[in-house]
């Protein structure tokens, strides 16, 4: 009789837990908070996996490379022990092989880091329409499953080909998990300022994952082996997928009937929208400095300020605080002055440009950290201001289905991070680190005024919500569910007229093509 008592108590506790969870899931507000937690964990995992290999892979590839050349260490030690005169006389015979091998390792590492963004860039034009058709929960579950498989592959990789396959597989998972996750947040939080606040929380988790991953990976790799950090991340991704199954129930008949989204605007037509094109260009431009500095700044710090490995590893860590501060300030300002979202983005581009130009002038650790903090603060302003703007543009100019528009945002990020690990090193070798930083800073400063074209976006409003249309009557055509209408203003004589927008000249051409198609 005694063993039955604990079993009975456990069963009663399980029943109470199930009832409590059922009550939580029946409350729409609590349910969308759980969805926000699931999406934030997915974004956190993706960026942890993106950056956790930073302290692991270079040594791992060098170890594999040296395993085939046992005499390499002897040659290097002989070269270092030689006198300056002897070193200069024998440089043609002794220094070239190590240099060639170092460049080969740099190329391998660059290609490995860029492979994720390259595959993500290729898959996003397909994943966006897939998400529009399937709703958001199933693609998110697919993305988490692929990330789980990629993480396990990283844990047990024994050669470069396996590492490359794992990194590319992560790009495939990110194309589904990141895009569907951000789109799900935009769908669950349709009203401002809640949407900006929820997207800001997601951006904070992205930043936190990127900055915490290198010390997390280095610590666990040193004390537990290279497979331990990946196994931990795999376990978390599996738990997140199980939580998504419990909360969203993506395969239930009720969920599938409730999803029943209207037909979304095709991704190529969204790309033709001039307002969306301006936002996408800003997202690409603001992320280029970060994507190009990450693979090059450590070497520059060692050469310029004789920075230690600890300093090169810690340079980015303080930037988490200004990034979160930038997210918080933008969310608060957007809640009070929502019509100035374009201004927050333009200010962020200006801060990024100034910070990038200041980086090559730094000759000590503290000023460099300040510059990098300014860089991340500006990126937070741009991302937090413009990601909700994309959802708003879809609401007022298209159909409120967000998979394709956030696939465009993901493409914008992927362009920067696909080019960075491969192109940045060649630019530094051919032109110099200072020229690279100044060029990126100038690009951001020049793009900031372009956001003036978005100044009237907040004055656009939907003529009728497509969800109300679906409740009352079916739309008469593919794009009749949502039409663009601007708030009328009056001339001095009192005659109503429409606001003039920055794209009036090209609007008729765009709308004619849009209608004919």
Protein backbone atom coordinates (compact mmCIF):
# COMPACT_ATOMS: atom_id res chain seq x y z
CA UNK A 1 0.00 0.00 0.00
CA UNK A 2 2.87 2.38 0.71
CA UNK A 3 4.27 2.52 -2.87
CA UNK A 4 0.81 3.40 -4.13
CA UNK A 5 0.73 6.65 -2.18
CA UNK A 6 3.60 8.37 -4.05
CA UNK A 7 2.16 7.15 -7.35
CA UNK A 8 -1.21 8.62 -6.47
CA UNK A 9 0.30 11.94 -5.45
CA UNK A 10 2.32 12.08 -8.67
CA UNK A 11 -0.78 11.35 -10.72
CA UNK A 12 -2.74 14.05 -8.89
CA UNK A 13 0.10 16.53 -9.41
CA UNK A 14 0.20 15.67 -13.12
CA UNK A 15 -3.55 16.20 -13.41
CA UNK A 16 -3.34 19.58 -11.66
CA UNK A 17 -0.44 20.62 -13.89
CA UNK A 18 -2.40 19.59 -16.99
CA UNK A 19 -5.44 21.54 -15.83
CA UNK A 20 -3.34 24.61 -15.07
CA UNK A 21 -1.66 24.42 -18.48
CA UNK A 22 -5.05 23.99 -20.14
CA UNK A 23 -6.33 27.10 -18.36
CA UNK A 24 -3.29 29.04 -19.51
CA UNK A 25 -3.72 27.90 -23.11
CA UNK A 26 -7.37 28.95 -23.11
CA UNK A 27 -6.41 32.53 -22.27
CA UNK A 28 -5.39 34.21 -25.57
CA UNK A 29 -3.16 36.76 -23.83
CA UNK A 30 -1.23 34.11 -21.91
CA UNK A 31 -1.05 31.90 -24.96
CA UNK A 32 0.60 34.56 -27.09
CA UNK A 33 3.05 35.26 -24.28
CA UNK A 34 4.00 31.59 -24.36
CA UNK A 35 4.36 31.83 -28.13
CA UNK A 36 6.63 34.83 -27.67
CA UNK A 37 8.77 32.81 -25.23
CA UNK A 38 8.99 29.91 -27.71
CA UNK A 39 10.02 32.20 -30.57
CA UNK A 40 12.57 34.05 -28.42
CA UNK A 41 14.15 30.75 -27.36
CA UNK A 42 14.31 29.65 -31.02
CA UNK A 43 16.02 32.91 -32.06
CA UNK A 44 18.33 32.68 -29.06
CA UNK A 45 19.31 29.12 -30.03
CA UNK A 46 19.94 30.00 -33.65
CA UNK A 47 22.28 32.86 -32.73
CA UNK A 48 23.96 30.80 -30.01
CA UNK A 49 24.72 28.12 -32.59
CA UNK A 50 25.85 30.79 -35.04
CA UNK A 51 28.45 32.22 -32.64
CA UNK A 52 29.29 29.28 -30.35
CA UNK A 53 31.67 27.89 -32.95
CA UNK A 54 33.78 31.07 -32.95
CA UNK A 55 36.24 29.89 -30.24
CA UNK A 56 36.00 26.22 -31.28
CA UNK A 57 36.24 25.92 -35.06
CA UNK A 58 39.51 27.81 -35.77
CA UNK A 59 41.52 25.61 -33.39
CA UNK A 60 39.65 22.54 -34.61
CA UNK A 61 40.47 23.23 -38.27
CA UNK A 62 44.07 24.08 -37.40
CA UNK A 63 44.35 20.80 -35.49
CA UNK A 64 43.02 18.84 -38.48
CA UNK A 65 45.38 20.73 -40.78
CA UNK A 66 48.43 20.10 -38.61
CA UNK A 67 47.57 16.44 -38.24
CA UNK A 68 48.61 15.94 -41.86
CA UNK A 69 51.82 18.00 -41.50
CA UNK A 70 53.71 16.99 -38.34
CA UNK A 71 56.74 19.09 -39.25
CA UNK A 72 54.81 22.34 -39.26
CA UNK A 73 55.53 23.20 -35.62
CA UNK A 74 59.25 22.62 -36.12
CA UNK A 75 59.34 24.94 -39.12
CA UNK A 76 57.48 27.66 -37.27
CA UNK A 77 59.68 27.42 -34.18
CA UNK A 78 62.82 27.54 -36.35
CA UNK A 79 61.51 30.64 -38.09
CA UNK A 80 60.69 32.36 -34.82
CA UNK A 81 64.11 31.51 -33.34
CA UNK A 82 66.03 33.02 -36.27
CA UNK A 83 67.62 36.45 -36.01
CA UNK A 84 66.14 39.39 -37.93
CA UNK A 85 68.95 39.26 -40.49
CA UNK A 86 68.65 35.53 -40.99
CA UNK A 87 64.86 35.80 -41.07
CA UNK A 88 64.98 38.43 -43.78
CA UNK A 89 67.52 36.48 -45.81
CA UNK A 90 65.62 33.21 -45.63
CA UNK A 91 62.11 34.67 -45.84
CA UNK A 92 61.62 33.41 -49.34
CA UNK A 93 62.40 29.84 -48.26
CA UNK A 94 60.83 29.52 -44.79
CA UNK A 95 58.01 32.01 -44.36
CA UNK A 96 55.92 31.25 -47.44
CA UNK A 97 54.64 27.76 -46.53
CA UNK A 98 53.31 28.86 -43.11
CA UNK A 99 51.75 31.94 -44.71
CA UNK A 100 50.10 29.88 -47.42
CA UNK A 101 48.79 27.42 -44.88
CA UNK A 102 47.48 30.24 -42.68
CA UNK A 103 45.68 31.80 -45.65
CA UNK A 104 44.23 28.39 -46.51
CA UNK A 105 42.89 28.02 -42.98
CA UNK A 106 41.45 31.56 -43.09
CA UNK A 107 39.66 30.77 -46.35
CA UNK A 108 38.23 27.55 -44.91
CA UNK A 109 37.00 29.33 -41.79
CA UNK A 110 35.52 32.18 -43.85
CA UNK A 111 33.66 29.80 -46.16
CA UNK A 112 32.44 27.78 -43.19
CA UNK A 113 31.08 30.86 -41.41
CA UNK A 114 29.46 32.21 -44.59
CA UNK A 115 27.86 28.91 -45.65
CA UNK A 116 25.00 29.35 -43.18
CA UNK A 117 24.03 32.79 -44.50
CA UNK A 118 24.50 31.70 -48.13
CA UNK A 119 22.10 28.77 -47.82
CA UNK A 120 19.71 30.93 -45.81
CA UNK A 121 19.84 33.49 -48.61
CA UNK A 122 18.99 30.81 -51.19
CA UNK A 123 16.18 29.18 -49.19
CA UNK A 124 14.36 32.32 -47.97
CA UNK A 125 12.62 33.05 -51.32
CA UNK A 126 11.06 29.59 -50.97
CA UNK A 127 10.49 29.50 -47.21
CA UNK A 128 8.57 32.80 -47.19
CA UNK A 129 5.76 31.61 -49.53
CA UNK A 130 5.75 28.24 -47.75
CA UNK A 131 5.17 29.99 -44.42
CA UNK A 132 2.39 32.09 -45.97
CA UNK A 133 0.65 28.94 -47.15
CA UNK A 134 1.21 26.76 -44.06
CA UNK A 135 0.78 29.40 -41.33
CA UNK A 136 3.60 29.93 -38.82
CA UNK A 137 3.64 27.08 -36.32
CA UNK A 138 4.48 24.19 -38.68
CA UNK A 139 7.43 26.00 -40.36
CA UNK A 140 8.71 26.99 -36.91
CA UNK A 141 8.54 23.35 -35.82
CA UNK A 142 10.37 22.32 -39.00
CA UNK A 143 13.04 24.94 -38.34
CA UNK A 144 13.56 23.76 -34.76
CA UNK A 145 13.85 20.17 -35.96
CA UNK A 146 16.47 21.09 -38.54
CA UNK A 147 18.39 23.15 -35.96
CA UNK A 148 18.31 20.13 -33.63
CA UNK A 149 19.79 17.91 -36.36
CA UNK A 150 22.40 20.54 -37.25
CA UNK A 151 23.47 20.87 -33.62
CA UNK A 152 23.90 17.10 -33.24
CA UNK A 153 25.92 17.03 -36.46
CA UNK A 154 28.20 19.73 -35.06
CA UNK A 155 28.65 17.75 -31.85
CA UNK A 156 29.96 14.64 -33.61
CA UNK A 157 31.74 16.23 -36.60
CA UNK A 158 35.21 14.83 -37.21
CA UNK A 159 36.21 16.55 -40.46
CA UNK A 160 35.74 19.78 -42.36
CA UNK A 161 33.10 18.36 -44.72
CA UNK A 162 30.88 17.41 -41.78
CA UNK A 163 31.34 20.85 -40.22
CA UNK A 164 30.39 22.45 -43.53
CA UNK A 165 27.29 20.23 -43.82
CA UNK A 166 26.25 21.08 -40.25
CA UNK A 167 26.72 24.81 -40.84
CA UNK A 168 24.74 24.71 -44.09
CA UNK A 169 22.00 22.68 -42.42
CA UNK A 170 21.77 25.40 -39.78
CA UNK A 171 21.12 27.92 -42.56
CA UNK A 172 18.24 25.78 -43.79
CA UNK A 173 16.76 25.63 -40.29
CA UNK A 174 17.22 29.36 -39.76
CA UNK A 175 15.38 30.18 -42.99
CA UNK A 176 12.29 28.52 -41.50
CA UNK A 177 12.69 29.16 -37.76
CA UNK A 178 13.75 32.83 -37.86
CA UNK A 179 11.30 33.93 -40.56
CA UNK A 180 8.29 32.05 -39.19
CA UNK A 181 9.11 33.10 -35.62
CA UNK A 182 9.24 36.84 -36.39
CA UNK A 183 6.15 36.51 -38.60
CA UNK A 184 4.30 34.71 -35.80
CA UNK A 185 5.08 37.56 -33.39
CA UNK A 186 3.78 40.11 -35.91
CA UNK A 187 0.61 38.05 -36.33
CA UNK A 188 -0.01 37.49 -32.61
CA UNK A 189 0.58 41.17 -31.78
CA UNK A 190 -1.35 43.06 -34.49
CA UNK A 191 -1.64 46.37 -32.62
CA UNK A 192 0.98 48.95 -31.79
CA UNK A 193 2.82 49.48 -29.47
CA UNK A 194 2.55 45.84 -28.38
CA UNK A 195 3.98 44.65 -31.69
CA UNK A 196 7.06 46.86 -31.38
CA UNK A 197 7.53 45.75 -27.77
CA UNK A 198 7.30 42.05 -28.66
CA UNK A 199 9.67 42.38 -31.61
CA UNK A 200 12.04 44.34 -29.37
CA UNK A 201 12.10 41.47 -26.88
CA UNK A 202 12.93 39.07 -29.73
CA UNK A 203 15.78 41.32 -30.89
CA UNK A 204 17.15 41.42 -27.35
CA UNK A 205 17.26 37.61 -27.29
CA UNK A 206 19.05 37.60 -30.65
CA UNK A 207 21.69 39.96 -29.29
CA UNK A 208 22.01 38.03 -26.05
CA UNK A 209 22.53 34.75 -27.89
CA UNK A 210 25.21 36.21 -30.16
CA UNK A 211 27.20 37.80 -27.33
CA UNK A 212 26.93 34.99 -24.76
CA UNK A 213 27.72 32.17 -27.19
CA UNK A 214 31.54 32.59 -27.51
CA UNK A 215 32.33 32.48 -23.76
CA UNK A 216 29.69 29.77 -23.29
CA UNK A 217 31.22 27.62 -26.04
CA UNK A 218 34.78 28.25 -24.96
CA UNK A 219 34.09 27.38 -21.31
CA UNK A 220 32.17 24.15 -21.98
CA UNK A 221 34.59 23.11 -24.73
CA UNK A 222 37.57 23.53 -22.40
CA UNK A 223 36.14 21.64 -19.44
CA UNK A 224 33.82 19.13 -21.15
CA UNK A 225 35.00 18.68 -24.72
CA UNK A 226 33.93 20.18 -28.01
CA UNK A 227 30.69 18.19 -28.17
CA UNK A 228 29.27 19.43 -24.84
CA UNK A 229 28.06 22.94 -25.88
CA UNK A 230 26.35 21.49 -28.94
CA UNK A 231 24.61 18.76 -26.93
CA UNK A 232 23.33 21.38 -24.49
CA UNK A 233 21.94 23.49 -27.34
CA UNK A 234 20.42 20.40 -28.97
CA UNK A 235 18.59 19.55 -25.73
CA UNK A 236 17.21 23.10 -25.45
CA UNK A 237 16.01 23.07 -29.08
CA UNK A 238 14.25 19.76 -28.50
CA UNK A 239 12.50 21.11 -25.40
CA UNK A 240 11.47 24.24 -27.30
CA UNK A 241 9.98 22.12 -30.09
CA UNK A 242 8.04 20.04 -27.55
CA UNK A 243 6.71 23.21 -25.91
CA UNK A 244 5.59 24.46 -29.32
CA UNK A 245 3.71 21.19 -29.88
CA UNK A 246 1.94 21.56 -26.55
CA UNK A 247 1.09 25.27 -26.87
CA UNK A 248 0.31 25.68 -30.58
CA UNK A 249 -0.90 22.11 -31.38
CA UNK A 250 0.09 22.69 -35.02
CA UNK A 251 -1.34 19.42 -36.34
CA UNK A 252 -4.74 19.53 -34.67
CA UNK A 253 -7.82 20.02 -36.83
CA UNK A 254 -8.93 23.03 -34.78
CA UNK A 255 -5.60 24.77 -35.28
CA UNK A 256 -5.56 24.11 -39.01
CA UNK A 257 -9.10 25.44 -39.36
CA UNK A 258 -8.28 28.48 -37.24
CA UNK A 259 -5.16 29.25 -39.28
CA UNK A 260 -6.99 29.49 -42.66
CA UNK A 261 -4.98 32.56 -43.63
CA UNK A 262 -5.92 34.68 -46.64
CA UNK A 263 -3.77 34.37 -49.72
CA UNK A 264 -0.59 36.36 -49.14
CA UNK A 265 1.07 38.67 -51.62
CA UNK A 266 3.80 36.85 -53.61
CA UNK A 267 7.30 37.63 -52.43
CA UNK A 268 8.47 39.05 -55.77
CA UNK A 269 5.66 41.60 -55.69
CA UNK A 270 6.55 42.58 -52.14
CA UNK A 271 10.11 43.18 -53.36
CA UNK A 272 8.72 45.56 -55.99
CA UNK A 273 7.03 47.65 -53.32
CA UNK A 274 9.27 50.77 -53.07
CA UNK A 275 8.65 51.25 -49.35
CA UNK A 276 9.59 47.66 -48.53
CA UNK A 277 12.66 47.99 -50.78
CA UNK A 278 13.82 51.05 -48.80
CA UNK A 279 13.44 49.16 -45.50
CA UNK A 280 15.25 46.10 -46.84
CA UNK A 281 18.13 48.27 -48.04
CA UNK A 282 18.42 49.87 -44.61
CA UNK A 283 18.51 46.47 -42.88
CA UNK A 284 21.30 45.30 -45.19
CA UNK A 285 23.32 48.51 -44.87
CA UNK A 286 23.15 48.66 -41.08
CA UNK A 287 24.32 45.07 -40.66
CA UNK A 288 27.27 45.25 -43.07
CA UNK A 289 29.66 46.87 -40.51
CA UNK A 290 28.95 44.18 -37.92
CA UNK A 291 29.21 41.36 -40.47
CA UNK A 292 32.49 42.70 -41.90
CA UNK A 293 34.14 43.65 -38.60
CA UNK A 294 33.50 40.38 -36.78
CA UNK A 295 35.95 38.32 -38.90
CA UNK A 296 38.62 41.05 -39.23
CA UNK A 297 38.76 43.09 -36.04
CA UNK A 298 40.62 40.51 -33.92
CA UNK A 299 43.62 40.48 -36.27
CA UNK A 300 43.58 44.28 -36.48
CA UNK A 301 43.51 44.56 -32.67
CA UNK A 302 46.52 42.25 -32.35
CA UNK A 303 48.52 44.25 -34.88
CA UNK A 304 47.46 47.75 -33.80
CA UNK A 305 47.19 47.62 -30.02
CA UNK A 306 48.91 44.31 -29.23
CA UNK A 307 45.61 43.05 -27.77
CA UNK A 308 45.58 39.76 -25.91
CA UNK A 309 43.24 36.90 -26.73
CA UNK A 310 41.13 37.86 -23.73
CA UNK A 311 40.75 41.43 -24.99
CA UNK A 312 39.82 40.33 -28.50
CA UNK A 313 37.25 37.96 -27.05
CA UNK A 314 35.80 40.55 -24.65
CA UNK A 315 35.63 43.45 -27.12
CA UNK A 316 32.08 42.69 -28.20
CA UNK A 317 30.65 41.60 -24.84
CA UNK A 318 29.93 45.10 -23.40
CA UNK A 319 27.96 45.92 -26.57
CA UNK A 320 25.03 43.88 -25.27
CA UNK A 321 24.06 46.66 -22.84
CA UNK A 322 23.75 49.48 -25.44
CA UNK A 323 21.96 47.09 -27.80
CA UNK A 324 19.28 46.36 -25.21
CA UNK A 325 19.19 50.08 -24.33
CA UNK A 326 18.63 50.92 -28.00
CA UNK A 327 15.79 48.41 -28.21
CA UNK A 328 14.19 49.80 -25.04
CA UNK A 329 14.46 53.45 -26.13
CA UNK A 330 13.06 52.74 -29.59
CA UNK A 331 10.11 50.81 -28.19
CA UNK A 332 9.29 53.61 -25.72
CA UNK A 333 9.67 56.33 -28.35
CA UNK A 334 7.60 54.36 -30.87
CA UNK A 335 4.81 54.03 -28.31
CA UNK A 336 4.71 57.80 -27.80
CA UNK A 337 5.63 59.01 -31.30
CA UNK A 338 4.76 56.16 -33.71
CA UNK A 339 4.90 58.44 -36.77
CA UNK A 340 8.67 58.93 -36.30
CA UNK A 341 9.79 55.34 -36.86
CA UNK A 342 11.69 56.43 -39.96
CA UNK A 343 13.56 59.02 -37.89
CA UNK A 344 14.69 56.43 -35.34
CA UNK A 345 16.00 54.28 -38.18
CA UNK A 346 17.80 57.21 -39.80
CA UNK A 347 19.35 58.17 -36.46
CA UNK A 348 20.51 54.58 -36.02
CA UNK A 349 22.18 54.59 -39.44
CA UNK A 350 23.95 57.84 -38.57
CA UNK A 351 25.22 56.39 -35.27
CA UNK A 352 26.41 53.24 -37.07
CA UNK A 353 28.21 55.33 -39.68
CA UNK A 354 29.97 57.52 -37.11
CA UNK A 355 30.94 54.53 -34.95
CA UNK A 356 32.32 52.60 -37.92
CA UNK A 357 34.43 55.58 -38.98
CA UNK A 358 35.84 55.91 -35.45
CA UNK A 359 36.95 52.27 -35.15
CA UNK A 360 40.24 52.58 -37.12
CA UNK A 361 41.18 55.69 -35.09
CA UNK A 362 41.15 53.73 -31.81
CA UNK A 363 44.57 52.83 -30.46
CA UNK A 364 43.56 51.33 -27.11
CA UNK A 365 40.98 48.89 -25.83
CA UNK A 366 38.58 51.31 -24.09
CA UNK A 367 37.87 53.65 -27.05
CA UNK A 368 37.37 50.63 -29.29
CA UNK A 369 34.77 49.18 -26.92
CA UNK A 370 32.96 52.53 -26.93
CA UNK A 371 32.90 52.53 -30.74
CA UNK A 372 31.58 48.98 -30.89
CA UNK A 373 28.93 49.86 -28.32
CA UNK A 374 27.83 52.74 -30.54
CA UNK A 375 27.71 50.38 -33.50
CA UNK A 376 25.41 47.92 -31.69
CA UNK A 377 23.28 50.76 -30.29
CA UNK A 378 22.67 52.04 -33.82
CA UNK A 379 21.81 48.56 -35.12
CA UNK A 380 19.26 48.20 -32.32
CA UNK A 381 17.63 51.50 -33.34
CA UNK A 382 17.36 50.47 -36.99
CA UNK A 383 16.12 46.92 -36.40
CA UNK A 384 13.60 47.85 -33.70
CA UNK A 385 12.17 50.71 -35.76
CA UNK A 386 12.01 49.02 -39.15
CA UNK A 387 10.93 45.44 -38.39
CA UNK A 388 7.48 46.60 -37.17
CA UNK A 389 7.37 48.96 -40.16
CA UNK A 390 7.54 45.97 -42.51
CA UNK A 391 4.48 44.41 -40.85
CA UNK A 392 2.65 47.74 -40.98
CA UNK A 393 3.42 48.12 -44.70
CA UNK A 394 2.01 44.67 -45.36
CA UNK A 395 -1.10 45.54 -43.35
CA UNK A 396 -1.86 48.74 -45.27
CA UNK A 397 -0.62 47.90 -48.76
CA UNK A 398 -1.06 44.14 -49.08
CA UNK A 399 -2.58 41.23 -47.16
CA UNK A 400 -1.70 40.75 -43.49
CA UNK A 401 0.29 37.56 -43.99
CA UNK A 402 3.86 38.08 -42.85
CA UNK A 403 5.97 35.11 -43.96
CA UNK A 404 7.19 36.57 -47.24
CA UNK A 405 7.88 40.08 -45.94
CA UNK A 406 10.02 38.76 -43.09
CA UNK A 407 11.72 36.41 -45.52
CA UNK A 408 12.77 39.61 -47.32
CA UNK A 409 14.11 40.95 -44.01
CA UNK A 410 16.01 37.70 -43.48
CA UNK A 411 17.42 37.98 -47.00
CA UNK A 412 18.63 41.49 -46.13
CA UNK A 413 20.51 40.17 -43.09
CA UNK A 414 21.84 37.17 -44.99
CA UNK A 415 23.35 39.30 -47.76
CA UNK A 416 25.54 41.07 -45.20
CA UNK A 417 26.56 37.92 -43.31
CA UNK A 418 27.17 35.90 -46.48
CA UNK A 419 29.59 38.51 -47.83
CA UNK A 420 31.29 39.41 -44.55
CA UNK A 421 33.36 36.29 -43.76
CA UNK A 422 34.48 35.90 -47.39
CA UNK A 423 34.86 39.45 -48.72
CA UNK A 424 36.03 41.37 -45.64
CA UNK A 425 39.43 39.67 -45.44
CA UNK A 426 40.19 40.35 -49.10
CA UNK A 427 39.24 44.03 -48.71
CA UNK A 428 41.50 44.36 -45.68
CA UNK A 429 44.44 42.75 -47.53
CA UNK A 430 43.98 44.86 -50.68
CA UNK A 431 42.85 48.23 -49.29
CA UNK A 432 43.39 48.12 -45.54
CA UNK A 433 41.27 47.91 -42.40
CA UNK A 434 40.86 51.69 -42.13
CA UNK A 435 39.50 51.96 -45.66
CA UNK A 436 37.06 49.11 -44.98
CA UNK A 437 35.70 50.78 -41.83
CA UNK A 438 35.48 54.22 -43.42
CA UNK A 439 33.70 52.84 -46.48
CA UNK A 440 31.09 51.05 -44.37
CA UNK A 441 30.58 54.12 -42.22
CA UNK A 442 30.15 56.35 -45.25
CA UNK A 443 27.60 53.94 -46.74
CA UNK A 444 25.47 54.14 -43.59
CA UNK A 445 25.72 57.92 -43.40
CA UNK A 446 24.66 58.25 -47.04
CA UNK A 447 21.74 55.85 -46.64
CA UNK A 448 20.30 57.63 -43.58
CA UNK A 449 18.59 60.41 -45.64
CA UNK A 450 16.96 57.76 -47.84
CA UNK A 451 14.65 56.90 -44.94
CA UNK A 452 13.01 60.28 -45.48
CA UNK A 453 11.05 58.43 -48.15
CA UNK A 454 9.25 56.62 -45.32
CA UNK A 455 8.13 59.76 -43.51
CA UNK A 456 4.48 59.47 -44.67
CA UNK A 457 4.15 55.72 -44.09
CA UNK A 458 2.46 56.21 -40.72
CA UNK A 459 -0.29 58.22 -42.45
CA UNK A 460 -1.34 55.24 -44.52
CA UNK A 461 -4.11 53.08 -43.17
CA UNK A 462 -6.00 50.05 -44.33
CA UNK A 463 -9.42 50.66 -45.79
CA UNK A 464 -10.77 47.47 -44.27
CA UNK A 465 -9.16 44.64 -42.36
CA UNK A 466 -9.00 41.44 -44.36
CA UNK A 467 -10.06 39.61 -41.24
CA UNK A 468 -13.31 41.60 -41.17
CA UNK A 469 -13.72 40.88 -44.86
CA UNK A 470 -13.34 37.17 -44.22
CA UNK A 471 -16.01 37.36 -41.52
CA UNK A 472 -18.49 39.35 -43.64
CA UNK A 473 -17.89 38.26 -47.21
CA UNK A 474 -15.12 36.65 -49.27
CA UNK A 475 -12.80 39.01 -51.13
CA UNK A 476 -13.75 39.60 -54.72
CA UNK A 477 -10.20 39.32 -56.00
CA UNK A 478 -6.77 38.24 -54.86
CA UNK A 479 -5.80 41.69 -53.65
CA UNK A 480 -9.23 43.19 -52.89
CA UNK A 481 -9.01 42.12 -49.25
CA UNK A 482 -6.80 45.10 -48.38
CA UNK A 483 -6.59 48.33 -50.35
CA UNK A 484 -4.35 51.33 -49.86
CA UNK A 485 -6.07 54.49 -48.70
CA UNK A 486 -4.46 57.59 -47.26
CA UNK A 487 -5.96 59.86 -44.64
CA UNK A 488 -7.37 62.90 -46.43
CA UNK A 489 -6.18 66.37 -45.59
CA UNK A 490 -7.66 69.67 -46.70
CA UNK A 491 -6.43 72.44 -48.93
CA UNK A 492 -6.54 75.99 -47.61
CA UNK A 493 -9.97 76.35 -49.31
CA UNK A 494 -11.30 73.31 -47.45
CA UNK A 495 -11.30 70.89 -50.41
CA UNK A 496 -10.23 67.37 -49.31
CA UNK A 497 -7.19 65.96 -50.99
CA UNK A 498 -4.74 63.08 -50.45
CA UNK A 499 -1.30 63.37 -48.96
CA UNK A 500 1.56 63.40 -51.42
CA UNK A 501 4.02 60.61 -50.85
CA UNK A 502 7.67 60.28 -51.88
CA UNK A 503 6.84 57.56 -54.38
CA UNK A 504 3.92 59.25 -56.14
CA UNK A 505 5.72 59.27 -59.49
CA UNK A 506 6.34 55.52 -59.49
CA UNK A 507 3.11 54.57 -57.63
CA UNK A 508 0.95 54.52 -60.77
CA UNK A 509 3.38 52.26 -62.60
CA UNK A 510 3.57 49.96 -59.58
CA UNK A 511 -0.21 49.80 -59.15
CA UNK A 512 -0.80 49.19 -62.87
CA UNK A 513 1.60 46.25 -62.83
CA UNK A 514 0.08 45.06 -59.57
CA UNK A 515 -3.47 45.11 -61.04
CA UNK A 516 -2.56 43.52 -64.36
CA UNK A 517 -0.80 40.66 -62.61
